[in-house]
């Protein structure tokens, strides 16, 4: 049984198959690109482990790794906890750093992004586009250098169709969309690296053969230059 490739810095990811070994190595390569990442997989498939792997194999590895479960934060608190607050923003509020500021220079992992309200998503989108944000109650714009790795446990195509995930948030930058096997149960599965390019966007997907039809349906807008490689 292999824990991980010797060339890859990784948390404890247990697997036997060459397919999973290749997936680990691909995630490590993508870590070097310093771009936003989205991981898609069912609950219990080790999404946070892969987020940590991406952080550990990036040039941000010596900076903070902040993990946040979006589903665990009340909707009325998510903005202040994400972007921070200024004193007097609301009754009893004090000046406080948000997760983005806490993760400065490092990686912010947003688990269960599909739990983030549709009203909050444009503010996250703005940050991904120009690295700017406003503290709750603040009177000036702030900038921060943080890589965002997000995870969803439902099909992005379904989330977009049901208007629970903004399409522009999905395609704003380079995303890695992964559906991993359950790390507790070893199965032999095929993986593909799917590269979809448009004028301003490159989408890299590490997916299983079972997930391929769902991924293709997720591409709601036409892209130019689709290339698929068997991994």
Protein backbone atom coordinates (compact mmCIF):
# COMPACT_ATOMS: atom_id res chain seq x y z
CA UNK A 1 0.00 0.00 0.00
CA UNK A 2 1.30 3.41 -0.94
CA UNK A 3 0.66 6.56 1.06
CA UNK A 4 1.81 8.88 -1.72
CA UNK A 5 4.51 9.39 -4.28
CA UNK A 6 7.89 10.22 -2.80
CA UNK A 7 8.06 13.29 -5.03
CA UNK A 8 4.81 14.68 -3.67
CA UNK A 9 4.32 16.34 -0.29
CA UNK A 10 1.04 14.95 0.92
CA UNK A 11 -1.05 14.35 4.00
CA UNK A 12 -2.00 10.75 4.76
CA UNK A 13 -3.81 9.67 1.61
CA UNK A 14 -4.13 5.89 1.55
CA UNK A 15 -4.47 4.10 -1.79
CA UNK A 16 -3.25 1.08 -3.75
CA UNK A 17 -4.11 1.82 -7.35
CA UNK A 18 -1.89 3.45 -9.93
CA UNK A 19 -4.89 5.54 -10.93
CA UNK A 20 -5.07 7.21 -7.52
CA UNK A 21 -1.30 7.64 -7.45
CA UNK A 22 -1.56 9.46 -10.76
CA UNK A 23 -4.40 11.63 -9.42
CA UNK A 24 -2.21 12.64 -6.45
CA UNK A 25 0.64 13.52 -8.78
CA UNK A 26 -1.65 15.52 -11.06
CA UNK A 27 -2.99 17.49 -8.08
CA UNK A 28 0.59 18.28 -7.07
CA UNK A 29 1.36 19.55 -10.57
CA UNK A 30 -1.74 21.75 -10.57
CA UNK A 31 -0.60 23.13 -7.20
CA UNK A 32 2.28 24.83 -9.00
CA UNK A 33 -0.06 26.93 -11.15
CA UNK A 34 -1.24 29.15 -8.25
CA UNK A 35 -4.84 29.39 -9.49
CA UNK A 36 -8.24 28.95 -7.83
CA UNK A 37 -9.33 25.31 -7.56
CA UNK A 38 -12.69 23.60 -7.20
CA UNK A 39 -12.83 20.00 -6.00
CA UNK A 40 -15.99 17.99 -6.65
CA UNK A 41 -16.62 14.76 -4.79
CA UNK A 42 -19.07 13.04 -2.51
CA UNK A 43 -18.90 13.40 1.26
CA UNK A 44 -16.09 11.29 2.72
CA UNK A 45 -13.88 11.20 -0.39
CA UNK A 46 -11.03 13.21 1.13
CA UNK A 47 -11.56 16.61 -0.49
CA UNK A 48 -9.83 18.48 2.34
CA UNK A 49 -6.85 16.12 2.13
CA UNK A 50 -6.43 17.03 -1.51
CA UNK A 51 -6.85 20.72 -0.71
CA UNK A 52 -4.04 20.35 1.82
CA UNK A 53 -1.96 18.46 -0.76
CA UNK A 54 -2.39 21.33 -3.22
CA UNK A 55 -1.33 23.83 -0.54
CA UNK A 56 1.67 21.76 0.58
CA UNK A 57 2.96 21.42 -2.96
CA UNK A 58 2.56 25.09 -3.87
CA UNK A 59 4.80 28.10 -3.30
CA UNK A 60 2.41 29.04 -0.48
CA UNK A 61 3.24 26.00 1.64
CA UNK A 62 4.98 28.05 4.36
CA UNK A 63 1.96 30.34 4.72
CA UNK A 64 -1.35 29.64 6.50
CA UNK A 65 -3.83 26.98 5.40
CA UNK A 66 -7.27 28.00 6.68
CA UNK A 67 -10.12 25.47 6.33
CA UNK A 68 -13.71 26.71 6.56
CA UNK A 69 -16.92 24.67 6.38
CA UNK A 70 -19.42 27.05 4.76
CA UNK A 71 -22.34 24.88 5.86
CA UNK A 72 -21.41 25.38 9.53
CA UNK A 73 -21.61 29.20 9.43
CA UNK A 74 -25.00 30.94 9.85
CA UNK A 75 -25.95 32.91 6.74
CA UNK A 76 -26.10 36.20 8.65
CA UNK A 77 -22.48 35.79 9.82
CA UNK A 78 -20.75 34.46 6.71
CA UNK A 79 -19.82 37.87 5.25
CA UNK A 80 -18.29 39.21 8.46
CA UNK A 81 -16.41 35.96 9.08
CA UNK A 82 -15.14 35.80 5.51
CA UNK A 83 -14.09 39.43 5.05
CA UNK A 84 -13.82 40.74 8.63
CA UNK A 85 -15.58 43.56 10.44
CA UNK A 86 -14.89 47.12 11.51
CA UNK A 87 -15.81 48.42 14.94
CA UNK A 88 -19.38 49.68 14.94
CA UNK A 89 -20.46 47.68 11.89
CA UNK A 90 -23.34 46.44 14.03
CA UNK A 91 -24.26 46.64 17.69
CA UNK A 92 -21.40 45.32 19.79
CA UNK A 93 -19.10 44.62 16.86
CA UNK A 94 -15.33 45.04 17.16
CA UNK A 95 -12.61 45.25 14.54
CA UNK A 96 -11.84 41.67 13.58
CA UNK A 97 -9.95 39.86 10.83
CA UNK A 98 -11.85 37.64 8.43
CA UNK A 99 -10.76 34.30 7.01
CA UNK A 100 -9.27 35.92 3.92
CA UNK A 101 -7.04 38.17 5.98
CA UNK A 102 -6.10 35.29 8.28
CA UNK A 103 -4.98 33.26 5.26
CA UNK A 104 -2.82 36.06 3.81
CA UNK A 105 -0.19 34.63 1.48
CA UNK A 106 -1.54 31.11 1.91
CA UNK A 107 -4.59 29.04 1.03
CA UNK A 108 -8.23 29.40 2.04
CA UNK A 109 -10.18 26.12 1.74
CA UNK A 110 -13.94 26.64 1.46
CA UNK A 111 -15.62 23.30 2.01
CA UNK A 112 -19.25 22.81 0.93
CA UNK A 113 -19.20 25.95 -1.20
CA UNK A 114 -22.63 24.89 -2.42
CA UNK A 115 -23.94 25.96 1.01
CA UNK A 116 -22.87 29.56 0.35
CA UNK A 117 -25.89 31.76 -0.35
CA UNK A 118 -26.37 33.02 -3.90
CA UNK A 119 -26.26 36.59 -2.50
CA UNK A 120 -22.79 36.03 -1.01
CA UNK A 121 -21.30 34.46 -4.13
CA UNK A 122 -20.81 37.75 -6.09
CA UNK A 123 -18.59 39.05 -3.28
CA UNK A 124 -16.45 35.93 -3.45
CA UNK A 125 -16.39 36.25 -7.23
CA UNK A 126 -15.10 39.81 -6.95
CA UNK A 127 -12.31 38.64 -4.68
CA UNK A 128 -11.32 35.89 -7.10
CA UNK A 129 -11.24 38.36 -9.98
CA UNK A 130 -9.19 41.20 -8.48
CA UNK A 131 -8.22 40.10 -4.94
CA UNK A 132 -10.20 42.96 -3.40
CA UNK A 133 -12.81 42.95 -0.64
CA UNK A 134 -14.56 45.21 1.87
CA UNK A 135 -14.79 44.53 5.57
CA UNK A 136 -18.32 44.64 6.95
CA UNK A 137 -18.91 48.25 7.99
CA UNK A 138 -15.67 49.38 6.39
CA UNK A 139 -15.13 52.55 4.38
CA UNK A 140 -12.26 51.42 2.15
CA UNK A 141 -11.28 48.58 -0.10
CA UNK A 142 -8.73 46.00 1.02
CA UNK A 143 -6.51 43.72 -1.04
CA UNK A 144 -5.17 40.31 -0.12
CA UNK A 145 -3.07 37.59 -1.77
CA UNK A 146 -4.82 34.31 -1.00
CA UNK A 147 -5.39 31.23 -3.11
CA UNK A 148 -8.94 29.89 -2.80
CA UNK A 149 -9.57 26.15 -2.99
CA UNK A 150 -13.27 25.30 -2.84
CA UNK A 151 -15.12 22.00 -2.62
CA UNK A 152 -18.66 20.96 -3.50
CA UNK A 153 -20.38 17.66 -2.77
CA UNK A 154 -23.02 18.00 -5.47
CA UNK A 155 -22.76 18.13 -9.25
CA UNK A 156 -21.82 21.66 -10.39
CA UNK A 157 -24.15 21.21 -13.37
CA UNK A 158 -27.08 20.58 -11.01
CA UNK A 159 -26.09 23.47 -8.74
CA UNK A 160 -25.95 25.87 -11.68
CA UNK A 161 -29.23 24.58 -13.10
CA UNK A 162 -30.96 25.05 -9.74
CA UNK A 163 -29.36 28.51 -9.38
CA UNK A 164 -27.48 27.55 -6.23
CA UNK A 165 -24.10 28.18 -7.85
CA UNK A 166 -23.37 31.14 -10.10
CA UNK A 167 -22.10 30.10 -13.51
CA UNK A 168 -19.61 32.98 -13.58
CA UNK A 169 -18.22 31.85 -10.24
CA UNK A 170 -17.72 28.39 -11.72
CA UNK A 171 -15.86 29.56 -14.83
CA UNK A 172 -14.13 32.73 -13.58
CA UNK A 173 -10.64 31.23 -13.46
CA UNK A 174 -8.77 27.96 -13.71
CA UNK A 175 -10.59 25.28 -11.74
CA UNK A 176 -9.70 21.69 -10.99
CA UNK A 177 -12.85 19.62 -10.76
CA UNK A 178 -12.26 16.23 -9.19
CA UNK A 179 -14.43 13.30 -8.23
CA UNK A 180 -12.30 10.97 -6.12
CA UNK A 181 -13.04 7.46 -5.02
CA UNK A 182 -13.70 6.94 -1.34
CA UNK A 183 -10.27 6.71 0.25
CA UNK A 184 -11.45 3.99 2.62
CA UNK A 185 -12.52 1.60 -0.13
CA UNK A 186 -10.03 0.90 -2.88
CA UNK A 187 -11.52 0.55 -6.34
CA UNK A 188 -9.92 0.46 -9.75
CA UNK A 189 -11.28 3.40 -11.70
CA UNK A 190 -10.25 5.30 -14.81
CA UNK A 191 -9.36 8.98 -14.66
CA UNK A 192 -9.16 11.61 -17.34
CA UNK A 193 -7.53 15.00 -17.56
CA UNK A 194 -9.88 17.27 -19.48
CA UNK A 195 -8.60 20.64 -20.66
CA UNK A 196 -11.18 23.13 -21.93
CA UNK A 197 -9.94 26.51 -23.15
CA UNK A 198 -11.72 29.73 -24.07
CA UNK A 199 -10.36 33.21 -24.77
CA UNK A 200 -9.82 34.15 -21.13
CA UNK A 201 -10.29 30.88 -19.27
CA UNK A 202 -8.63 27.51 -19.03
CA UNK A 203 -10.51 24.78 -17.18
CA UNK A 204 -8.57 21.73 -15.99
CA UNK A 205 -10.57 18.75 -14.77
CA UNK A 206 -9.36 15.55 -13.12
CA UNK A 207 -12.37 13.25 -13.28
CA UNK A 208 -13.44 9.62 -13.23
CA UNK A 209 -14.98 7.99 -16.27
CA UNK A 210 -18.27 7.74 -14.35
CA UNK A 211 -18.26 11.50 -13.78
CA UNK A 212 -17.45 12.43 -17.38
CA UNK A 213 -21.07 12.82 -18.63
CA UNK A 214 -21.92 15.12 -15.71
CA UNK A 215 -18.83 17.25 -16.31
CA UNK A 216 -19.61 17.71 -19.98
CA UNK A 217 -23.13 18.84 -19.07
CA UNK A 218 -21.60 21.37 -16.68
CA UNK A 219 -20.04 23.22 -19.60
CA UNK A 220 -23.11 25.35 -20.27
CA UNK A 221 -21.30 27.77 -22.60
CA UNK A 222 -19.35 26.81 -25.73
CA UNK A 223 -15.59 26.47 -25.26
CA UNK A 224 -12.85 26.41 -27.88
CA UNK A 225 -10.17 23.73 -28.05
CA UNK A 226 -11.36 20.75 -26.03
CA UNK A 227 -8.62 18.19 -25.48
CA UNK A 228 -8.97 14.99 -23.49
CA UNK A 229 -6.13 12.81 -22.23
CA UNK A 230 -6.50 9.39 -20.65
CA UNK A 231 -4.61 9.30 -17.34
